[in-house]
Amino acid sequence: MKKGLKVVLAALTLLVLAACGSKEETDKLDTIKKDGVIKVATSPDYAPFGFHTTIDGKDKIVGADIEMMEAIAKKMGVKVDWIDMSFNAVLAAAKEGKADVAVSAISVTSEREKSFDFTTDYYTSPQVIVINKQQADKFTAIDTFADKQVGAQKGTIQENIVKEQMKDAKLVSIEKLPNIFVEVKNGSLDGLVVEKTVADAYVNKNPELMIANIPLKSMKEDSLCIAVPKGNEKLVKELDKQIKEMKEAGDIEKMVKENNELAQQDGE
């Protein structure tokens, strides 16, 4: 009797393992095509890539990332289900299966590569330091930020840039990027590190701010990619194909430019 029970339990175990294995082997592209929807996690507080604006009296998420992903989804024959959250939660949502991909001006890092595969880059933007114009004579080199408070958005590579390239500065991590610009504008922070494309959008709207003439080292993290949970090679290949076509046509560059102009008018 015991032997028979063991055989039954062993068979059930094999069935469970087989079922789990099948689930893991299913590429997200198959599910997306079947359901007709791709779930995308994003943090729309990073103009011109993603931000809120008012259109016809209604709040709407816009930006280069948003337009790009909508265009990709259209070519794939599916719709986008946007999941709006803080940047610090975007990658976690994709990793936990709440979203199929994460699209939010995301850079590739060695740590992130442990959990995600990344598409080919769709845009490259160098990093800069934004300061208050009144402090222009004070902040002229990296070492002038010694013991000064420098902001960076929580969960971003800019935190590491402050730690590694501005070692004597005091890092202040804040969840919402617009709040960091306000802090610099009001003098609560001495500066902030952000991508140049994003800095341009905010500086052009806020004459009190400026990009400091202090170069930061360029690195692979300057390139932006779509993050896809590991084990979805078909989905990555499909996204790569669409990104390549859009880059060659100049579509993404145009999206960034147009949304930069929109952000300067009435974005965040």
C-alpha atoms as a PDB file:
ATOM      1  CA  MET A   1       0.000   0.000   0.000  1.00  0.00           C
ATOM      2  CA  LYS A   2       2.821   2.363   0.968  1.00  0.00           C
ATOM      3  CA  LYS A   3       4.689   1.485  -2.193  1.00  0.00           C
ATOM      4  CA  GLY A   4       1.606   2.262  -4.285  1.00  0.00           C
ATOM      5  CA  LEU A   5       1.170   5.602  -2.523  1.00  0.00           C
ATOM      6  CA  LYS A   6       4.786   6.494  -3.223  1.00  0.00           C
ATOM      7  CA  VAL A   7       4.319   5.731  -6.905  1.00  0.00           C
ATOM      8  CA  VAL A   8       1.215   7.950  -7.059  1.00  0.00           C
ATOM      9  CA  LEU A   9       2.985  10.814  -5.236  1.00  0.00           C
ATOM     10  CA  ALA A  10       5.992  10.506  -7.530  1.00  0.00           C
ATOM     11  CA  ALA A  11       3.733  10.672 -10.581  1.00  0.00           C
ATOM     12  CA  LEU A  12       1.941  13.739  -9.213  1.00  0.00           C
ATOM     13  CA  THR A  13       5.283  15.417  -8.506  1.00  0.00           C
ATOM     14  CA  LEU A  14       6.398  14.829 -12.076  1.00  0.00           C
ATOM     15  CA  LEU A  15       3.150  16.291 -13.380  1.00  0.00           C
ATOM     16  CA  VAL A  16       3.531  19.414 -11.224  1.00  0.00           C
ATOM     17  CA  LEU A  17       7.131  19.875 -12.304  1.00  0.00           C
ATOM     18  CA  ALA A  18       6.171  19.399 -15.931  1.00  0.00           C
ATOM     19  CA  ALA A  19       3.400  21.982 -15.605  1.00  0.00           C
ATOM     20  CA  CYS A  20       5.766  24.458 -13.989  1.00  0.00           C
ATOM     21  CA  GLY A  21       8.331  23.816 -16.659  1.00  0.00           C
ATOM     22  CA  SER A  22       5.792  24.480 -19.404  1.00  0.00           C
ATOM     23  CA  LYS A  23       4.778  27.753 -17.784  1.00  0.00           C
ATOM     24  CA  GLU A  24       8.389  28.928 -17.557  1.00  0.00           C
ATOM     25  CA  GLU A  25       9.057  28.005 -21.167  1.00  0.00           C
ATOM     26  CA  THR A  26       6.150  30.093 -22.460  1.00  0.00           C
ATOM     27  CA  ASP A  27       7.543  33.236 -24.027  1.00  0.00           C
ATOM     28  CA  LYS A  28       5.609  36.393 -23.123  1.00  0.00           C
ATOM     29  CA  LEU A  29       5.274  37.213 -26.821  1.00  0.00           C
ATOM     30  CA  ASP A  30       2.931  34.224 -27.227  1.00  0.00           C
ATOM     31  CA  THR A  31       0.707  35.399 -24.367  1.00  0.00           C
ATOM     32  CA  ILE A  32       0.724  38.998 -25.604  1.00  0.00           C
ATOM     33  CA  LYS A  33      -0.316  37.941 -29.102  1.00  0.00           C
ATOM     34  CA  LYS A  34      -3.001  35.627 -27.713  1.00  0.00           C
ATOM     35  CA  ASP A  35      -4.486  38.250 -25.361  1.00  0.00           C
ATOM     36  CA  GLY A  36      -4.010  41.147 -27.756  1.00  0.00           C
ATOM     37  CA  VAL A  37      -2.522  43.279 -24.972  1.00  0.00           C
ATOM     38  CA  ILE A  38       0.981  44.125 -23.769  1.00  0.00           C
ATOM     39  CA  LYS A  39       1.180  45.300 -20.144  1.00  0.00           C
ATOM     40  CA  VAL A  40       3.772  48.051 -19.760  1.00  0.00           C
ATOM     41  CA  ALA A  41       5.073  49.464 -16.471  1.00  0.00           C
ATOM     42  CA  THR A  42       6.194  53.098 -16.625  1.00  0.00           C
ATOM     43  CA  SER A  43       6.892  56.103 -14.398  1.00  0.00           C
ATOM     44  CA  PRO A  44       5.545  59.169 -16.218  1.00  0.00           C
ATOM     45  CA  ASP A  45       7.478  61.839 -14.326  1.00  0.00           C
ATOM     46  CA  TYR A  46      10.486  61.987 -16.637  1.00  0.00           C
ATOM     47  CA  ALA A  47       9.862  64.434 -19.450  1.00  0.00           C
ATOM     48  CA  PRO A  48      10.252  64.185 -22.391  1.00  0.00           C
ATOM     49  CA  PHE A  49      10.154  60.373 -22.173  1.00  0.00           C
ATOM     50  CA  GLY A  50       7.066  60.114 -19.996  1.00  0.00           C
ATOM     51  CA  PHE A  51       4.966  62.778 -18.236  1.00  0.00           C
ATOM     52  CA  HIS A  52       1.449  63.919 -17.476  1.00  0.00           C
ATOM     53  CA  THR A  53      -0.253  66.720 -19.378  1.00  0.00           C
ATOM     54  CA  THR A  54      -3.813  67.949 -19.881  1.00  0.00           C
ATOM     55  CA  ILE A  55      -5.470  67.327 -23.244  1.00  0.00           C
ATOM     56  CA  ASP A  56      -9.084  68.396 -23.826  1.00  0.00           C
ATOM     57  CA  GLY A  57      -9.490  68.911 -20.105  1.00  0.00           C
ATOM     58  CA  LYS A  58      -8.334  65.405 -19.222  1.00  0.00           C
ATOM     59  CA  ASP A  59      -5.092  64.220 -17.650  1.00  0.00           C
ATOM     60  CA  LYS A  60      -3.100  62.064 -20.051  1.00  0.00           C
ATOM     61  CA  ILE A  61       0.243  60.281 -20.040  1.00  0.00           C
ATOM     62  CA  VAL A  62       2.406  61.380 -22.973  1.00  0.00           C
ATOM     63  CA  GLY A  63       6.077  61.269 -23.931  1.00  0.00           C
ATOM     64  CA  ALA A  64       8.566  59.705 -26.309  1.00  0.00           C
ATOM     65  CA  ASP A  65       8.503  56.364 -24.458  1.00  0.00           C
ATOM     66  CA  ILE A  66       4.717  56.354 -24.592  1.00  0.00           C
ATOM     67  CA  GLU A  67       4.540  57.124 -28.325  1.00  0.00           C
ATOM     68  CA  MET A  68       7.274  54.632 -29.128  1.00  0.00           C
ATOM     69  CA  MET A  69       5.600  51.798 -27.238  1.00  0.00           C
ATOM     70  CA  GLU A  70       2.188  52.595 -28.711  1.00  0.00           C
ATOM     71  CA  ALA A  71       3.728  52.485 -32.209  1.00  0.00           C
ATOM     72  CA  ILE A  72       5.471  49.183 -31.477  1.00  0.00           C
ATOM     73  CA  ALA A  73       2.267  47.663 -30.114  1.00  0.00           C
ATOM     74  CA  LYS A  74       0.347  48.770 -33.200  1.00  0.00           C
ATOM     75  CA  LYS A  75       2.867  47.042 -35.453  1.00  0.00           C
ATOM     76  CA  MET A  76       2.539  43.932 -33.309  1.00  0.00           C
ATOM     77  CA  GLY A  77      -1.236  44.071 -33.640  1.00  0.00           C
ATOM     78  CA  VAL A  78      -1.897  44.533 -29.919  1.00  0.00           C
ATOM     79  CA  LYS A  79      -2.944  47.293 -27.509  1.00  0.00           C
ATOM     80  CA  VAL A  80      -0.994  48.758 -24.584  1.00  0.00           C
ATOM     81  CA  ASP A  81      -2.182  48.464 -20.993  1.00  0.00           C
ATOM     82  CA  TRP A  82      -0.192  51.186 -19.182  1.00  0.00           C
ATOM     83  CA  ILE A  83       0.661  50.671 -15.516  1.00  0.00           C
ATOM     84  CA  ASP A  84       1.504  54.047 -13.941  1.00  0.00           C
ATOM     85  CA  MET A  85       3.818  53.796 -10.898  1.00  0.00           C
ATOM     86  CA  SER A  86       6.920  55.271  -9.286  1.00  0.00           C
ATOM     87  CA  PHE A  87      10.201  54.489 -11.049  1.00  0.00           C
ATOM     88  CA  ASN A  88      11.415  52.602  -8.011  1.00  0.00           C
ATOM     89  CA  ALA A  89       8.629  50.030  -8.606  1.00  0.00           C
ATOM     90  CA  VAL A  90       8.737  49.793 -12.414  1.00  0.00           C
ATOM     91  CA  LEU A  91      11.322  47.024 -12.721  1.00  0.00           C
ATOM     92  CA  ALA A  92       9.867  45.116  -9.784  1.00  0.00           C
ATOM     93  CA  ALA A  93       6.471  45.071 -11.506  1.00  0.00           C
ATOM     94  CA  ALA A  94       7.967  43.471 -14.609  1.00  0.00           C
ATOM     95  CA  LYS A  95      10.054  41.033 -12.587  1.00  0.00           C
ATOM     96  CA  GLU A  96       7.021  39.919 -10.559  1.00  0.00           C
ATOM     97  CA  GLY A  97       4.896  39.415 -13.679  1.00  0.00           C
ATOM     98  CA  LYS A  98       2.547  42.344 -13.072  1.00  0.00           C
ATOM     99  CA  ALA A  99       3.812  43.834 -16.338  1.00  0.00           C
ATOM    100  CA  ASP A 100       5.215  42.227 -19.486  1.00  0.00           C
ATOM    101  CA  VAL A 101       7.918  44.867 -19.958  1.00  0.00           C
ATOM    102  CA  ALA A 102       9.217  48.042 -18.326  1.00  0.00           C
ATOM    103  CA  VAL A 103       9.562  51.173 -20.466  1.00  0.00           C
ATOM    104  CA  SER A 104      10.667  54.254 -18.557  1.00  0.00           C
ATOM    105  CA  ALA A 105      13.962  55.678 -19.882  1.00  0.00           C
ATOM    106  CA  ILE A 106      15.683  52.643 -18.368  1.00  0.00           C
ATOM    107  CA  SER A 107      19.439  52.197 -18.520  1.00  0.00           C
ATOM    108  CA  VAL A 108      21.266  48.859 -18.549  1.00  0.00           C
ATOM    109  CA  THR A 109      23.337  48.011 -15.474  1.00  0.00           C
ATOM    110  CA  SER A 110      25.144  44.837 -14.430  1.00  0.00           C
ATOM    111  CA  GLU A 111      22.773  44.446 -11.482  1.00  0.00           C
ATOM    112  CA  ARG A 112      19.662  44.799 -13.662  1.00  0.00           C
ATOM    113  CA  GLU A 113      21.049  42.298 -16.177  1.00  0.00           C
ATOM    114  CA  LYS A 114      20.781  39.602 -13.496  1.00  0.00           C
ATOM    115  CA  SER A 115      16.985  39.722 -13.728  1.00  0.00           C
ATOM    116  CA  PHE A 116      16.297  41.202 -17.146  1.00  0.00           C
ATOM    117  CA  ASP A 117      17.190  40.983 -20.788  1.00  0.00           C
ATOM    118  CA  PHE A 118      17.352  44.330 -22.550  1.00  0.00           C
ATOM    119  CA  THR A 119      16.458  45.350 -26.054  1.00  0.00           C
ATOM    120  CA  THR A 120      18.821  47.219 -28.306  1.00  0.00           C
ATOM    121  CA  ASP A 121      19.071  50.844 -27.179  1.00  0.00           C
ATOM    122  CA  TYR A 122      16.496  53.220 -28.618  1.00  0.00           C
ATOM    123  CA  TYR A 123      18.037  56.499 -27.445  1.00  0.00           C
ATOM    124  CA  THR A 124      21.281  57.767 -25.954  1.00  0.00           C
ATOM    125  CA  SER A 125      21.593  60.814 -23.735  1.00  0.00           C
ATOM    126  CA  PRO A 126      24.614  61.920 -21.642  1.00  0.00           C
ATOM    127  CA  GLN A 127      24.338  62.718 -17.935  1.00  0.00           C
ATOM    128  CA  VAL A 128      24.604  66.297 -16.623  1.00  0.00           C
ATOM    129  CA  ILE A 129      24.495  68.264 -13.370  1.00  0.00           C
ATOM    130  CA  VAL A 130      21.729  70.834 -12.967  1.00  0.00           C
ATOM    131  CA  ILE A 131      22.267  73.764 -10.585  1.00  0.00           C
ATOM    132  CA  ASN A 132      20.670  77.065  -9.660  1.00  0.00           C
ATOM    133  CA  LYS A 133      22.039  79.893 -11.813  1.00  0.00           C
ATOM    134  CA  GLN A 134      22.816  81.891  -8.688  1.00  0.00           C
ATOM    135  CA  GLN A 135      25.370  79.215  -7.799  1.00  0.00           C
ATOM    136  CA  ALA A 136      27.121  79.187 -11.189  1.00  0.00           C
ATOM    137  CA  ASP A 137      30.299  80.842  -9.855  1.00  0.00           C
ATOM    138  CA  LYS A 138      30.353  78.492  -6.885  1.00  0.00           C
ATOM    139  CA  PHE A 139      30.042  75.162  -8.691  1.00  0.00           C
ATOM    140  CA  THR A 140      32.712  74.992 -11.386  1.00  0.00           C
ATOM    141  CA  ALA A 141      34.143  71.486 -10.917  1.00  0.00           C
ATOM    142  CA  ILE A 142      33.258  68.128  -9.364  1.00  0.00           C
ATOM    143  CA  ASP A 143      35.263  68.830  -6.219  1.00  0.00           C
ATOM    144  CA  THR A 144      33.275  72.019  -5.531  1.00  0.00           C
ATOM    145  CA  PHE A 145      30.365  69.745  -4.564  1.00  0.00           C
ATOM    146  CA  ALA A 146      32.294  68.317  -1.601  1.00  0.00           C
ATOM    147  CA  ASP A 147      29.921  68.046   1.395  1.00  0.00           C
ATOM    148  CA  LYS A 148      27.111  69.526  -0.727  1.00  0.00           C
ATOM    149  CA  GLN A 149      23.706  67.898  -1.223  1.00  0.00           C
ATOM    150  CA  VAL A 150      23.143  66.477  -4.705  1.00  0.00           C
ATOM    151  CA  GLY A 151      19.820  64.952  -5.682  1.00  0.00           C
ATOM    152  CA  ALA A 152      18.988  61.935  -7.833  1.00  0.00           C
ATOM    153  CA  GLN A 153      15.780  60.053  -8.504  1.00  0.00           C
ATOM    154  CA  LYS A 154      15.382  57.020  -6.280  1.00  0.00           C
ATOM    155  CA  GLY A 155      16.164  53.706  -7.974  1.00  0.00           C
ATOM    156  CA  THR A 156      17.980  55.250 -10.966  1.00  0.00           C
ATOM    157  CA  ILE A 157      21.545  55.049 -12.250  1.00  0.00           C
ATOM    158  CA  GLN A 158      21.931  58.715 -11.331  1.00  0.00           C
ATOM    159  CA  GLU A 159      22.217  57.633  -7.688  1.00  0.00           C
ATOM    160  CA  ASN A 160      25.289  55.584  -8.602  1.00  0.00           C
ATOM    161  CA  ILE A 161      26.723  58.428 -10.675  1.00  0.00           C
ATOM    162  CA  VAL A 162      26.630  60.720  -7.642  1.00  0.00           C
ATOM    163  CA  LYS A 163      28.218  58.008  -5.483  1.00  0.00           C
ATOM    164  CA  GLU A 164      30.938  57.118  -7.989  1.00  0.00           C
ATOM    165  CA  GLN A 165      31.732  60.379  -9.775  1.00  0.00           C
ATOM    166  CA  MET A 166      30.877  62.871  -7.020  1.00  0.00           C
ATOM    167  CA  LYS A 167      32.190  60.840  -4.080  1.00  0.00           C
ATOM    168  CA  ASP A 168      32.550  63.747  -1.668  1.00  0.00           C
ATOM    169  CA  ALA A 169      29.001  64.994  -2.266  1.00  0.00           C
ATOM    170  CA  LYS A 170      26.043  63.955  -0.123  1.00  0.00           C
ATOM    171  CA  LEU A 171      23.495  61.981  -2.132  1.00  0.00           C
ATOM    172  CA  VAL A 172      19.831  62.822  -1.553  1.00  0.00           C
ATOM    173  CA  SER A 173      17.467  60.284  -3.154  1.00  0.00           C
ATOM    174  CA  ILE A 174      13.942  61.483  -3.942  1.00  0.00           C
ATOM    175  CA  GLU A 175      11.185  59.408  -5.542  1.00  0.00           C
ATOM    176  CA  LYS A 176       9.668  62.002  -7.913  1.00  0.00           C
ATOM    177  CA  LEU A 177      12.012  63.777 -10.333  1.00  0.00           C
ATOM    178  CA  PRO A 178       9.994  67.036 -10.575  1.00  0.00           C
ATOM    179  CA  ASN A 179      10.391  67.424  -6.808  1.00  0.00           C
ATOM    180  CA  ILE A 180      14.177  67.319  -7.143  1.00  0.00           C
ATOM    181  CA  PHE A 181      14.167  70.153  -9.669  1.00  0.00           C
ATOM    182  CA  VAL A 182      11.990  72.185  -7.285  1.00  0.00           C
ATOM    183  CA  GLU A 183      14.464  71.552  -4.457  1.00  0.00           C
ATOM    184  CA  VAL A 184      17.367  72.832  -6.586  1.00  0.00           C
ATOM    185  CA  LYS A 185      15.303  75.781  -7.750  1.00  0.00           C
ATOM    186  CA  ASN A 186      14.454  76.708  -4.146  1.00  0.00           C
ATOM    187  CA  GLY A 187      18.000  76.147  -2.915  1.00  0.00           C
ATOM    188  CA  SER A 188      17.213  73.148  -0.685  1.00  0.00           C
ATOM    189  CA  LEU A 189      19.557  71.053  -2.829  1.00  0.00           C
ATOM    190  CA  ASP A 190      22.817  72.225  -4.379  1.00  0.00           C
ATOM    191  CA  GLY A 191      22.370  70.260  -7.593  1.00  0.00           C
ATOM    192  CA  LEU A 192      20.998  67.140  -9.234  1.00  0.00           C
ATOM    193  CA  VAL A 193      22.207  64.585 -11.749  1.00  0.00           C
ATOM    194  CA  VAL A 194      19.927  63.715 -14.665  1.00  0.00           C
ATOM    195  CA  GLU A 195      19.996  62.876 -18.377  1.00  0.00           C
ATOM    196  CA  LYS A 196      20.676  65.876 -20.589  1.00  0.00           C
ATOM    197  CA  THR A 197      17.522  65.418 -22.665  1.00  0.00           C
ATOM    198  CA  VAL A 198      15.434  65.541 -19.501  1.00  0.00           C
ATOM    199  CA  ALA A 199      17.465  68.434 -18.091  1.00  0.00           C
ATOM    200  CA  ASP A 200      16.857  70.470 -21.258  1.00  0.00           C
ATOM    201  CA  ALA A 201      13.092  70.139 -20.840  1.00  0.00           C
ATOM    202  CA  TYR A 202      13.135  71.426 -17.259  1.00  0.00           C
ATOM    203  CA  VAL A 203      15.831  74.081 -17.647  1.00  0.00           C
ATOM    204  CA  ASN A 204      14.076  75.654 -20.630  1.00  0.00           C
ATOM    205  CA  LYS A 205      10.942  76.067 -18.507  1.00  0.00           C
ATOM    206  CA  ASN A 206      12.759  77.273 -15.406  1.00  0.00           C
ATOM    207  CA  PRO A 207      15.118  80.210 -16.083  1.00  0.00           C
ATOM    208  CA  GLU A 208      16.438  79.936 -12.521  1.00  0.00           C
ATOM    209  CA  LEU A 209      18.126  76.644 -13.442  1.00  0.00           C
ATOM    210  CA  MET A 210      21.050  75.775 -15.688  1.00  0.00           C
ATOM    211  CA  ILE A 211      23.188  72.838 -16.745  1.00  0.00           C
ATOM    212  CA  ALA A 212      26.573  73.180 -15.050  1.00  0.00           C
ATOM    213  CA  ASN A 213      29.636  73.258 -17.269  1.00  0.00           C
ATOM    214  CA  ILE A 214      30.998  70.210 -15.467  1.00  0.00           C
ATOM    215  CA  PRO A 215      31.297  67.101 -17.653  1.00  0.00           C
ATOM    216  CA  LEU A 216      30.456  63.677 -16.261  1.00  0.00           C
ATOM    217  CA  LYS A 217      32.057  60.511 -17.610  1.00  0.00           C
ATOM    218  CA  SER A 218      30.107  58.844 -20.422  1.00  0.00           C
ATOM    219  CA  MET A 219      29.179  55.192 -19.941  1.00  0.00           C
ATOM    220  CA  LYS A 220      27.039  52.407 -21.368  1.00  0.00           C
ATOM    221  CA  GLU A 221      24.254  53.401 -18.986  1.00  0.00           C
ATOM    222  CA  ASP A 222      23.692  56.555 -21.083  1.00  0.00           C
ATOM    223  CA  SER A 223      21.721  54.375 -23.521  1.00  0.00           C
ATOM    224  CA  LEU A 224      18.024  53.672 -22.891  1.00  0.00           C
ATOM    225  CA  CYS A 225      16.444  50.253 -23.474  1.00  0.00           C
ATOM    226  CA  ILE A 226      13.266  48.286 -22.810  1.00  0.00           C
ATOM    227  CA  ALA A 227      13.578  45.838 -19.897  1.00  0.00           C
ATOM    228  CA  VAL A 228      12.145  42.339 -20.424  1.00  0.00           C
ATOM    229  CA  PRO A 229      12.133  39.593 -17.745  1.00  0.00           C
ATOM    230  CA  LYS A 230      14.625  36.845 -18.606  1.00  0.00           C
ATOM    231  CA  GLY A 231      13.425  33.875 -20.628  1.00  0.00           C
ATOM    232  CA  ASN A 232      11.522  35.831 -23.277  1.00  0.00           C
ATOM    233  CA  GLU A 233      13.899  35.749 -26.228  1.00  0.00           C
ATOM    234  CA  LYS A 234      11.110  35.904 -28.818  1.00  0.00           C
ATOM    235  CA  LEU A 235       9.674  39.059 -27.272  1.00  0.00           C
ATOM    236  CA  VAL A 236      13.101  40.728 -27.128  1.00  0.00           C
ATOM    237  CA  LYS A 237      13.727  39.815 -30.770  1.00  0.00           C
ATOM    238  CA  GLU A 238      10.351  41.272 -31.806  1.00  0.00           C
ATOM    239  CA  LEU A 239      10.972  44.503 -29.880  1.00  0.00           C
ATOM    240  CA  ASP A 240      14.487  44.792 -31.330  1.00  0.00           C
ATOM    241  CA  LYS A 241      13.073  44.511 -34.826  1.00  0.00           C
ATOM    242  CA  GLN A 242      10.561  47.304 -34.258  1.00  0.00           C
ATOM    243  CA  ILE A 243      13.076  49.581 -32.501  1.00  0.00           C
ATOM    244  CA  LYS A 244      15.608  49.147 -35.318  1.00  0.00           C
ATOM    245  CA  GLU A 245      13.032  50.096 -37.954  1.00  0.00           C
ATOM    246  CA  MET A 246      11.907  53.162 -35.997  1.00  0.00           C
ATOM    247  CA  LYS A 247      15.463  54.354 -35.358  1.00  0.00           C
ATOM    248  CA  GLU A 248      16.426  53.979 -38.999  1.00  0.00           C
ATOM    249  CA  ALA A 249      13.364  56.007 -40.009  1.00  0.00           C
ATOM    250  CA  GLY A 250      14.243  58.714 -37.463  1.00  0.00           C
ATOM    251  CA  ASP A 251      10.904  58.219 -35.711  1.00  0.00           C
ATOM    252  CA  ILE A 252      12.231  57.984 -32.145  1.00  0.00           C
ATOM    253  CA  GLU A 253      14.467  61.043 -32.516  1.00  0.00           C
ATOM    254  CA  LYS A 254      11.422  62.949 -33.770  1.00  0.00           C
ATOM    255  CA  MET A 255       9.323  61.732 -30.837  1.00  0.00           C
ATOM    256  CA  VAL A 256      11.918  62.922 -28.327  1.00  0.00           C
ATOM    257  CA  LYS A 257      12.169  66.331 -29.986  1.00  0.00           C
ATOM    258  CA  GLU A 258       8.410  66.878 -30.209  1.00  0.00           C
ATOM    259  CA  ASN A 259       7.773  65.744 -26.646  1.00  0.00           C
ATOM    260  CA  ASN A 260      10.618  67.912 -25.409  1.00  0.00           C
ATOM    261  CA  GLU A 261       8.816  70.889 -26.941  1.00  0.00           C
ATOM    262  CA  LEU A 262       5.510  69.776 -25.413  1.00  0.00           C
ATOM    263  CA  ALA A 263       7.105  69.358 -21.984  1.00  0.00           C
ATOM    264  CA  GLN A 264       8.508  72.891 -22.164  1.00  0.00           C
ATOM    265  CA  GLN A 265       5.020  74.219 -22.888  1.00  0.00           C
ATOM    266  CA  ASP A 266       2.903  72.496 -20.247  1.00  0.00           C
ATOM    267  CA  GLY A 267       4.477  69.252 -19.034  1.00  0.00           C
ATOM    268  CA  GLU A 268       5.686  68.517 -15.541  1.00  0.00           C
END
